[in-house]
PDB file of all heavy atoms in Angstrom:
ATOM      1  N   TRP A   1      -8.017  -0.112 -15.902  1.00  0.00           N
ATOM      2  CA  TRP A   1      -9.069  -0.384 -14.942  1.00  0.00           C
ATOM      3  C   TRP A   1     -10.372   0.246 -15.441  1.00  0.00           C
ATOM      4  O   TRP A   1     -10.390   1.372 -15.909  1.00  0.00           O
ATOM      5  CB  TRP A   1      -8.710   0.265 -13.568  1.00  0.00           C
ATOM      6  CG  TRP A   1      -7.575  -0.439 -12.906  1.00  0.00           C
ATOM      7  CD1 TRP A   1      -6.266  -0.164 -13.022  1.00  0.00           C
ATOM      8  CD2 TRP A   1      -7.662  -1.568 -12.049  1.00  0.00           C
ATOM      9  NE1 TRP A   1      -5.517  -1.045 -12.297  1.00  0.00           N
ATOM     10  CE2 TRP A   1      -6.352  -1.879 -11.681  1.00  0.00           C
ATOM     11  CE3 TRP A   1      -8.710  -2.337 -11.578  1.00  0.00           C
ATOM     12  CZ2 TRP A   1      -6.065  -2.964 -10.854  1.00  0.00           C
ATOM     13  CZ3 TRP A   1      -8.393  -3.374 -10.734  1.00  0.00           C
ATOM     14  CH2 TRP A   1      -7.089  -3.703 -10.379  1.00  0.00           C
ATOM     15  N   PRO A   2     -11.448  -0.467 -15.240  1.00  0.00           N
ATOM     16  CA  PRO A   2     -12.736   0.184 -15.542  1.00  0.00           C
ATOM     17  C   PRO A   2     -12.979   1.320 -14.598  1.00  0.00           C
ATOM     18  O   PRO A   2     -12.303   1.516 -13.635  1.00  0.00           O
ATOM     19  CB  PRO A   2     -13.770  -0.936 -15.365  1.00  0.00           C
ATOM     20  CG  PRO A   2     -13.026  -2.166 -15.138  1.00  0.00           C
ATOM     21  CD  PRO A   2     -11.617  -1.816 -14.864  1.00  0.00           C
ATOM     22  N   LEU A   3     -14.025   2.047 -14.858  1.00  0.00           N
ATOM     23  CA  LEU A   3     -14.320   3.237 -14.029  1.00  0.00           C
ATOM     24  C   LEU A   3     -14.986   2.871 -12.706  1.00  0.00           C
ATOM     25  O   LEU A   3     -15.600   3.747 -12.067  1.00  0.00           O
ATOM     26  CB  LEU A   3     -15.162   4.199 -14.849  1.00  0.00           C
ATOM     27  CG  LEU A   3     -14.465   4.788 -16.065  1.00  0.00           C
ATOM     28  CD1 LEU A   3     -15.467   5.670 -16.811  1.00  0.00           C
ATOM     29  CD2 LEU A   3     -13.260   5.576 -15.647  1.00  0.00           C
ATOM     30  N   ASP A   4     -14.943   1.629 -12.286  1.00  0.00           N
ATOM     31  CA  ASP A   4     -15.575   1.218 -11.041  1.00  0.00           C
ATOM     32  C   ASP A   4     -14.736   1.791  -9.907  1.00  0.00           C
ATOM     33  O   ASP A   4     -13.541   1.489  -9.746  1.00  0.00           O
ATOM     34  CB  ASP A   4     -15.582  -0.318 -10.965  1.00  0.00           C
ATOM     35  CG  ASP A   4     -16.281  -0.803  -9.747  1.00  0.00           C
ATOM     36  OD1 ASP A   4     -17.001  -0.014  -9.102  1.00  0.00           O
ATOM     37  OD2 ASP A   4     -16.125  -2.010  -9.444  1.00  0.00           O
ATOM     38  N   PRO A   5     -15.314   2.675  -9.065  1.00  0.00           N
ATOM     39  CA  PRO A   5     -14.534   3.306  -7.987  1.00  0.00           C
ATOM     40  C   PRO A   5     -14.073   2.348  -6.904  1.00  0.00           C
ATOM     41  O   PRO A   5     -13.050   2.580  -6.258  1.00  0.00           O
ATOM     42  CB  PRO A   5     -15.489   4.338  -7.411  1.00  0.00           C
ATOM     43  CG  PRO A   5     -16.833   3.977  -7.857  1.00  0.00           C
ATOM     44  CD  PRO A   5     -16.699   3.160  -9.109  1.00  0.00           C
ATOM     45  N   SER A   6     -14.786   1.236  -6.706  1.00  0.00           N
ATOM     46  CA  SER A   6     -14.371   0.343  -5.633  1.00  0.00           C
ATOM     47  C   SER A   6     -13.025  -0.375  -5.954  1.00  0.00           C
ATOM     48  O   SER A   6     -12.244  -0.623  -5.094  1.00  0.00           O
ATOM     49  CB  SER A   6     -15.445  -0.724  -5.389  1.00  0.00           C
ATOM     50  OG  SER A   6     -15.609  -1.530  -6.511  1.00  0.00           O
ATOM     51  N   ARG A   7     -12.791  -0.649  -7.206  1.00  0.00           N
ATOM     52  CA  ARG A   7     -11.522  -1.272  -7.613  1.00  0.00           C
ATOM     53  C   ARG A   7     -10.358  -0.313  -7.423  1.00  0.00           C
ATOM     54  O   ARG A   7      -9.278  -0.698  -7.012  1.00  0.00           O
ATOM     55  CB  ARG A   7     -11.596  -1.758  -9.032  1.00  0.00           C
ATOM     56  CG  ARG A   7     -12.400  -3.005  -9.221  1.00  0.00           C
ATOM     57  CD  ARG A   7     -12.247  -3.541 -10.613  1.00  0.00           C
ATOM     58  NE  ARG A   7     -13.013  -4.781 -10.758  1.00  0.00           N
ATOM     59  CZ  ARG A   7     -13.030  -5.477 -11.832  1.00  0.00           C
ATOM     60  NH1 ARG A   7     -12.315  -5.081 -12.892  1.00  0.00           N
ATOM     61  NH2 ARG A   7     -13.748  -6.542 -11.900  1.00  0.00           N
ATOM     62  N   LYS A   8     -10.574   0.938  -7.770  1.00  0.00           N
ATOM     63  CA  LYS A   8      -9.512   1.943  -7.595  1.00  0.00           C
ATOM     64  C   LYS A   8      -9.223   2.091  -6.101  1.00  0.00           C
ATOM     65  O   LYS A   8      -8.076   2.256  -5.687  1.00  0.00           O
ATOM     66  CB  LYS A   8      -9.930   3.271  -8.197  1.00  0.00           C
ATOM     67  CG  LYS A   8      -9.935   3.232  -9.711  1.00  0.00           C
ATOM     68  CD  LYS A   8     -10.300   4.608 -10.250  1.00  0.00           C
ATOM     69  CE  LYS A   8     -10.369   4.555 -11.759  1.00  0.00           C
ATOM     70  NZ  LYS A   8     -10.717   5.872 -12.319  1.00  0.00           N
ATOM     71  N   GLU A   9     -10.246   2.089  -5.232  1.00  0.00           N
ATOM     72  CA  GLU A   9     -10.006   2.229  -3.804  1.00  0.00           C
ATOM     73  C   GLU A   9      -9.277   1.018  -3.250  1.00  0.00           C
ATOM     74  O   GLU A   9      -8.396   1.124  -2.407  1.00  0.00           O
ATOM     75  CB  GLU A   9     -11.330   2.409  -3.088  1.00  0.00           C
ATOM     76  CG  GLU A   9     -11.975   3.757  -3.365  1.00  0.00           C
ATOM     77  CD  GLU A   9     -13.389   3.839  -2.716  1.00  0.00           C
ATOM     78  OE1 GLU A   9     -13.801   2.923  -1.982  1.00  0.00           O
ATOM     79  OE2 GLU A   9     -14.044   4.841  -2.990  1.00  0.00           O
ATOM     80  N   VAL A  10      -9.637  -0.157  -3.748  1.00  0.00           N
ATOM     81  CA  VAL A  10      -8.907  -1.359  -3.304  1.00  0.00           C
ATOM     82  C   VAL A  10      -7.469  -1.331  -3.734  1.00  0.00           C
ATOM     83  O   VAL A  10      -6.552  -1.690  -2.975  1.00  0.00           O
ATOM     84  CB  VAL A  10      -9.639  -2.637  -3.820  1.00  0.00           C
ATOM     85  CG1 VAL A  10      -8.776  -3.874  -3.596  1.00  0.00           C
ATOM     86  CG2 VAL A  10     -10.985  -2.783  -3.167  1.00  0.00           C
ATOM     87  N   LEU A  11      -7.221  -0.903  -4.984  1.00  0.00           N
ATOM     88  CA  LEU A  11      -5.848  -0.794  -5.457  1.00  0.00           C
ATOM     89  C   LEU A  11      -5.070   0.217  -4.646  1.00  0.00           C
ATOM     90  O   LEU A  11      -3.921  -0.020  -4.254  1.00  0.00           O
ATOM     91  CB  LEU A  11      -5.831  -0.427  -6.906  1.00  0.00           C
ATOM     92  CG  LEU A  11      -4.455  -0.266  -7.564  1.00  0.00           C
ATOM     93  CD1 LEU A  11      -3.708  -1.570  -7.558  1.00  0.00           C
ATOM     94  CD2 LEU A  11      -4.562   0.304  -8.945  1.00  0.00           C
ATOM     95  N   ARG A  12      -5.674   1.385  -4.396  1.00  0.00           N
ATOM     96  CA  ARG A  12      -5.003   2.397  -3.612  1.00  0.00           C
ATOM     97  C   ARG A  12      -4.715   1.881  -2.188  1.00  0.00           C
ATOM     98  O   ARG A  12      -3.609   2.116  -1.646  1.00  0.00           O
ATOM     99  CB  ARG A  12      -5.882   3.644  -3.520  1.00  0.00           C
ATOM    100  CG  ARG A  12      -5.201   4.805  -2.830  1.00  0.00           C
ATOM    101  CD  ARG A  12      -6.051   6.067  -2.764  1.00  0.00           C
ATOM    102  NE  ARG A  12      -6.639   6.406  -4.062  1.00  0.00           N
ATOM    103  CZ  ARG A  12      -7.947   6.668  -4.269  1.00  0.00           C
ATOM    104  NH1 ARG A  12      -8.760   6.685  -3.260  1.00  0.00           N
ATOM    105  NH2 ARG A  12      -8.372   6.940  -5.476  1.00  0.00           N
ATOM    106  N   PHE A  13      -5.633   1.156  -1.585  1.00  0.00           N
ATOM    107  CA  PHE A  13      -5.442   0.564  -0.270  1.00  0.00           C
ATOM    108  C   PHE A  13      -4.323  -0.452  -0.269  1.00  0.00           C
ATOM    109  O   PHE A  13      -3.479  -0.492   0.609  1.00  0.00           O
ATOM    110  CB  PHE A  13      -6.763  -0.034   0.260  1.00  0.00           C
ATOM    111  CG  PHE A  13      -6.608  -0.691   1.583  1.00  0.00           C
ATOM    112  CD1 PHE A  13      -6.500   0.062   2.735  1.00  0.00           C
ATOM    113  CD2 PHE A  13      -6.613  -2.068   1.699  1.00  0.00           C
ATOM    114  CE1 PHE A  13      -6.413  -0.534   3.984  1.00  0.00           C
ATOM    115  CE2 PHE A  13      -6.489  -2.665   2.917  1.00  0.00           C
ATOM    116  CZ  PHE A  13      -6.399  -1.886   4.088  1.00  0.00           C
ATOM    117  N   ALA A  14      -4.314  -1.331  -1.273  1.00  0.00           N
ATOM    118  CA  ALA A  14      -3.272  -2.379  -1.359  1.00  0.00           C
ATOM    119  C   ALA A  14      -1.857  -1.766  -1.520  1.00  0.00           C
ATOM    120  O   ALA A  14      -0.906  -2.204  -0.875  1.00  0.00           O
ATOM    121  CB  ALA A  14      -3.580  -3.313  -2.508  1.00  0.00           C
ATOM    122  N   ILE A  15      -1.757  -0.760  -2.372  1.00  0.00           N
ATOM    123  CA  ILE A  15      -0.474  -0.101  -2.558  1.00  0.00           C
ATOM    124  C   ILE A  15      -0.023   0.634  -1.298  1.00  0.00           C
ATOM    125  O   ILE A  15       1.143   0.558  -0.889  1.00  0.00           O
ATOM    126  CB  ILE A  15      -0.520   0.846  -3.777  1.00  0.00           C
ATOM    127  CG1 ILE A  15      -0.665   0.062  -5.065  1.00  0.00           C
ATOM    128  CG2 ILE A  15       0.712   1.741  -3.822  1.00  0.00           C
ATOM    129  CD1 ILE A  15      -0.884   0.918  -6.282  1.00  0.00           C
ATOM    130  N   SER A  16      -0.970   1.286  -0.637  1.00  0.00           N
ATOM    131  CA  SER A  16      -0.628   1.981   0.651  1.00  0.00           C
ATOM    132  C   SER A  16      -0.170   0.997   1.696  1.00  0.00           C
ATOM    133  O   SER A  16       0.801   1.261   2.411  1.00  0.00           O
ATOM    134  CB  SER A  16      -1.808   2.746   1.126  1.00  0.00           C
ATOM    135  OG  SER A  16      -2.228   3.717   0.214  1.00  0.00           O
ATOM    136  N   CYS A  17      -0.841  -0.136   1.801  1.00  0.00           N
ATOM    137  CA  CYS A  17      -0.435  -1.140   2.799  1.00  0.00           C
ATOM    138  C   CYS A  17       0.957  -1.704   2.516  1.00  0.00           C
ATOM    139  O   CYS A  17       1.772  -1.894   3.386  1.00  0.00           O
ATOM    140  CB  CYS A  17      -1.428  -2.283   2.862  1.00  0.00           C
ATOM    141  SG  CYS A  17      -2.967  -1.858   3.647  1.00  0.00           S
ATOM    142  N   ARG A  18       1.259  -1.936   1.228  1.00  0.00           N
ATOM    143  CA  ARG A  18       2.550  -2.468   0.851  1.00  0.00           C
ATOM    144  C   ARG A  18       3.674  -1.464   1.114  1.00  0.00           C
ATOM    145  O   ARG A  18       4.735  -1.838   1.644  1.00  0.00           O
ATOM    146  CB  ARG A  18       2.583  -2.881  -0.605  1.00  0.00           C
ATOM    147  CG  ARG A  18       3.813  -3.501  -1.074  1.00  0.00           C
ATOM    148  CD  ARG A  18       4.029  -4.784  -0.324  1.00  0.00           C
ATOM    149  NE  ARG A  18       5.320  -5.356  -0.686  1.00  0.00           N
ATOM    150  CZ  ARG A  18       6.022  -6.184   0.069  1.00  0.00           C
ATOM    151  NH1 ARG A  18       5.530  -6.567   1.227  1.00  0.00           N
ATOM    152  NH2 ARG A  18       7.172  -6.670  -0.325  1.00  0.00           N
ATOM    153  N   VAL A  19       3.437  -0.237   0.782  1.00  0.00           N
ATOM    154  CA  VAL A  19       4.454   0.813   1.052  1.00  0.00           C
ATOM    155  C   VAL A  19       4.663   0.962   2.568  1.00  0.00           C
ATOM    156  O   VAL A  19       5.835   1.046   3.015  1.00  0.00           O
ATOM    157  CB  VAL A  19       4.027   2.142   0.413  1.00  0.00           C
ATOM    158  CG1 VAL A  19       4.868   3.296   0.888  1.00  0.00           C
ATOM    159  CG2 VAL A  19       4.094   2.049  -1.098  1.00  0.00           C
ATOM    160  N   LEU A  20       3.582   0.961   3.333  1.00  0.00           N
ATOM    161  CA  LEU A  20       3.706   1.080   4.784  1.00  0.00           C
ATOM    162  C   LEU A  20       4.473  -0.093   5.360  1.00  0.00           C
ATOM    163  O   LEU A  20       5.336   0.069   6.234  1.00  0.00           O
ATOM    164  CB  LEU A  20       2.343   1.202   5.430  1.00  0.00           C
ATOM    165  CG  LEU A  20       2.335   1.321   6.973  1.00  0.00           C
ATOM    166  CD1 LEU A  20       2.973   2.602   7.371  1.00  0.00           C
ATOM    167  CD2 LEU A  20       0.913   1.222   7.471  1.00  0.00           C
ATOM    168  N   THR A  21       4.213  -1.291   4.846  1.00  0.00           N
ATOM    169  CA  THR A  21       4.939  -2.490   5.334  1.00  0.00           C
ATOM    170  C   THR A  21       6.414  -2.389   5.020  1.00  0.00           C
ATOM    171  O   THR A  21       7.236  -2.692   5.873  1.00  0.00           O
ATOM    172  CB  THR A  21       4.317  -3.722   4.670  1.00  0.00           C
ATOM    173  OG1 THR A  21       2.933  -3.800   4.989  1.00  0.00           O
ATOM    174  CG2 THR A  21       5.007  -4.981   5.194  1.00  0.00           C
ATOM    175  N   LEU A  22       6.772  -1.977   3.823  1.00  0.00           N
ATOM    176  CA  LEU A  22       8.157  -1.838   3.439  1.00  0.00           C
ATOM    177  C   LEU A  22       8.864  -0.794   4.285  1.00  0.00           C
ATOM    178  O   LEU A  22       9.994  -0.962   4.715  1.00  0.00           O
ATOM    179  CB  LEU A  22       8.292  -1.546   1.955  1.00  0.00           C
ATOM    180  CG  LEU A  22       7.933  -2.644   1.001  1.00  0.00           C
ATOM    181  CD1 LEU A  22       7.959  -2.180  -0.436  1.00  0.00           C
ATOM    182  CD2 LEU A  22       8.866  -3.818   1.207  1.00  0.00           C
ATOM    183  N   VAL A  23       8.198   0.337   4.526  1.00  0.00           N
ATOM    184  CA  VAL A  23       8.798   1.405   5.308  1.00  0.00           C
ATOM    185  C   VAL A  23       9.038   0.904   6.760  1.00  0.00           C
ATOM    186  O   VAL A  23      10.092   1.145   7.321  1.00  0.00           O
ATOM    187  CB  VAL A  23       7.888   2.670   5.291  1.00  0.00           C
ATOM    188  CG1 VAL A  23       8.333   3.646   6.343  1.00  0.00           C
ATOM    189  CG2 VAL A  23       7.971   3.309   3.923  1.00  0.00           C
ATOM    190  N   LEU A  24       8.088   0.190   7.305  1.00  0.00           N
ATOM    191  CA  LEU A  24       8.231  -0.311   8.678  1.00  0.00           C
ATOM    192  C   LEU A  24       9.362  -1.339   8.743  1.00  0.00           C
ATOM    193  O   LEU A  24      10.095  -1.376   9.730  1.00  0.00           O
ATOM    194  CB  LEU A  24       6.950  -0.922   9.212  1.00  0.00           C
ATOM    195  CG  LEU A  24       5.855   0.100   9.543  1.00  0.00           C
ATOM    196  CD1 LEU A  24       4.571  -0.623   9.932  1.00  0.00           C
ATOM    197  CD2 LEU A  24       6.315   1.015  10.654  1.00  0.00           C
ATOM    198  N   GLN A  25       9.515  -2.179   7.755  1.00  0.00           N
ATOM    199  CA  GLN A  25      10.553  -3.200   7.759  1.00  0.00           C
ATOM    200  C   GLN A  25      11.930  -2.495   7.683  1.00  0.00           C
ATOM    201  O   GLN A  25      12.853  -2.861   8.411  1.00  0.00           O
ATOM    202  CB  GLN A  25      10.420  -4.142   6.575  1.00  0.00           C
ATOM    203  CG  GLN A  25       9.346  -5.148   6.794  1.00  0.00           C
ATOM    204  CD  GLN A  25       9.307  -6.145   5.606  1.00  0.00           C
ATOM    205  OE1 GLN A  25       9.908  -5.929   4.560  1.00  0.00           O
ATOM    206  NE2 GLN A  25       8.565  -7.220   5.815  1.00  0.00           N
ATOM    207  N   VAL A  26      12.060  -1.505   6.816  1.00  0.00           N
ATOM    208  CA  VAL A  26      13.326  -0.811   6.694  1.00  0.00           C
ATOM    209  C   VAL A  26      13.690  -0.043   7.963  1.00  0.00           C
ATOM    210  O   VAL A  26      14.807  -0.052   8.441  1.00  0.00           O
ATOM    211  CB  VAL A  26      13.327   0.128   5.466  1.00  0.00           C
ATOM    212  CG1 VAL A  26      14.492   1.044   5.460  1.00  0.00           C
ATOM    213  CG2 VAL A  26      13.250  -0.700   4.184  1.00  0.00           C
ATOM    214  N   LEU A  27      12.664   0.589   8.581  1.00  0.00           N
ATOM    215  CA  LEU A  27      12.887   1.326   9.823  1.00  0.00           C
ATOM    216  C   LEU A  27      13.336   0.388  10.922  1.00  0.00           C
ATOM    217  O   LEU A  27      14.267   0.708  11.685  1.00  0.00           O
ATOM    218  CB  LEU A  27      11.648   2.112  10.228  1.00  0.00           C
ATOM    219  CG  LEU A  27      11.404   3.392   9.476  1.00  0.00           C
ATOM    220  CD1 LEU A  27      10.106   4.033   9.947  1.00  0.00           C
ATOM    221  CD2 LEU A  27      12.542   4.365   9.698  1.00  0.00           C
ATOM    222  N   THR A  28      12.725  -0.738  11.092  1.00  0.00           N
ATOM    223  CA  THR A  28      13.067  -1.668  12.145  1.00  0.00           C
ATOM    224  C   THR A  28      14.451  -2.251  11.894  1.00  0.00           C
ATOM    225  O   THR A  28      15.226  -2.491  12.844  1.00  0.00           O
ATOM    226  CB  THR A  28      12.059  -2.765  12.350  1.00  0.00           C
ATOM    227  OG1 THR A  28      11.833  -3.418  11.100  1.00  0.00           O
ATOM    228  CG2 THR A  28      10.749  -2.250  12.889  1.00  0.00           C
ATOM    229  N   ARG A  29      14.812  -2.480  10.659  1.00  0.00           N
ATOM    230  CA  ARG A  29      16.181  -2.947  10.372  1.00  0.00           C
ATOM    231  C   ARG A  29      17.198  -1.905  10.714  1.00  0.00           C
ATOM    232  O   ARG A  29      18.249  -2.216  11.276  1.00  0.00           O
ATOM    233  CB  ARG A  29      16.296  -3.352   8.884  1.00  0.00           C
ATOM    234  CG  ARG A  29      15.684  -4.698   8.615  1.00  0.00           C
ATOM    235  CD  ARG A  29      15.971  -5.151   7.228  1.00  0.00           C
ATOM    236  NE  ARG A  29      15.241  -6.351   6.985  1.00  0.00           N
ATOM    237  CZ  ARG A  29      15.112  -6.911   5.807  1.00  0.00           C
ATOM    238  NH1 ARG A  29      15.606  -6.317   4.758  1.00  0.00           N
ATOM    239  NH2 ARG A  29      14.413  -8.010   5.666  1.00  0.00           N
ATOM    240  N   PHE A  30      16.926  -0.662  10.380  1.00  0.00           N
ATOM    241  CA  PHE A  30      17.866   0.416  10.705  1.00  0.00           C
ATOM    242  C   PHE A  30      18.002   0.547  12.182  1.00  0.00           C
ATOM    243  O   PHE A  30      19.105   0.737  12.709  1.00  0.00           O
ATOM    244  CB  PHE A  30      17.475   1.720  10.045  1.00  0.00           C
ATOM    245  CG  PHE A  30      17.809   1.816   8.589  1.00  0.00           C
ATOM    246  CD1 PHE A  30      16.988   2.526   7.723  1.00  0.00           C
ATOM    247  CD2 PHE A  30      18.986   1.245   8.079  1.00  0.00           C
ATOM    248  CE1 PHE A  30      17.318   2.612   6.411  1.00  0.00           C
ATOM    249  CE2 PHE A  30      19.297   1.364   6.745  1.00  0.00           C
ATOM    250  CZ  PHE A  30      18.483   2.032   5.892  1.00  0.00           C
ATOM    251  N   LEU A  31      16.911   0.554  12.919  1.00  0.00           N
ATOM    252  CA  LEU A  31      16.939   0.720  14.350  1.00  0.00           C
ATOM    253  C   LEU A  31      17.636  -0.445  15.033  1.00  0.00           C
ATOM    254  O   LEU A  31      18.399  -0.283  15.995  1.00  0.00           O
ATOM    255  CB  LEU A  31      15.528   0.877  14.920  1.00  0.00           C
ATOM    256  CG  LEU A  31      14.877   2.249  14.679  1.00  0.00           C
ATOM    257  CD1 LEU A  31      13.428   2.196  15.241  1.00  0.00           C
ATOM    258  CD2 LEU A  31      15.660   3.331  15.357  1.00  0.00           C
TER     259      LEU A  31
END
C-alpha cells in the first residue's frame, strides 16, 4: 500500500466490519 493514510483507514475499517460480521453470525448461530 502506498503511504496514503485514507487507504489504510479504509482497509482497517473493512477488516473490522468483516470480523464484526463474522463474530455476530457465529454468536447468533450458537445462541
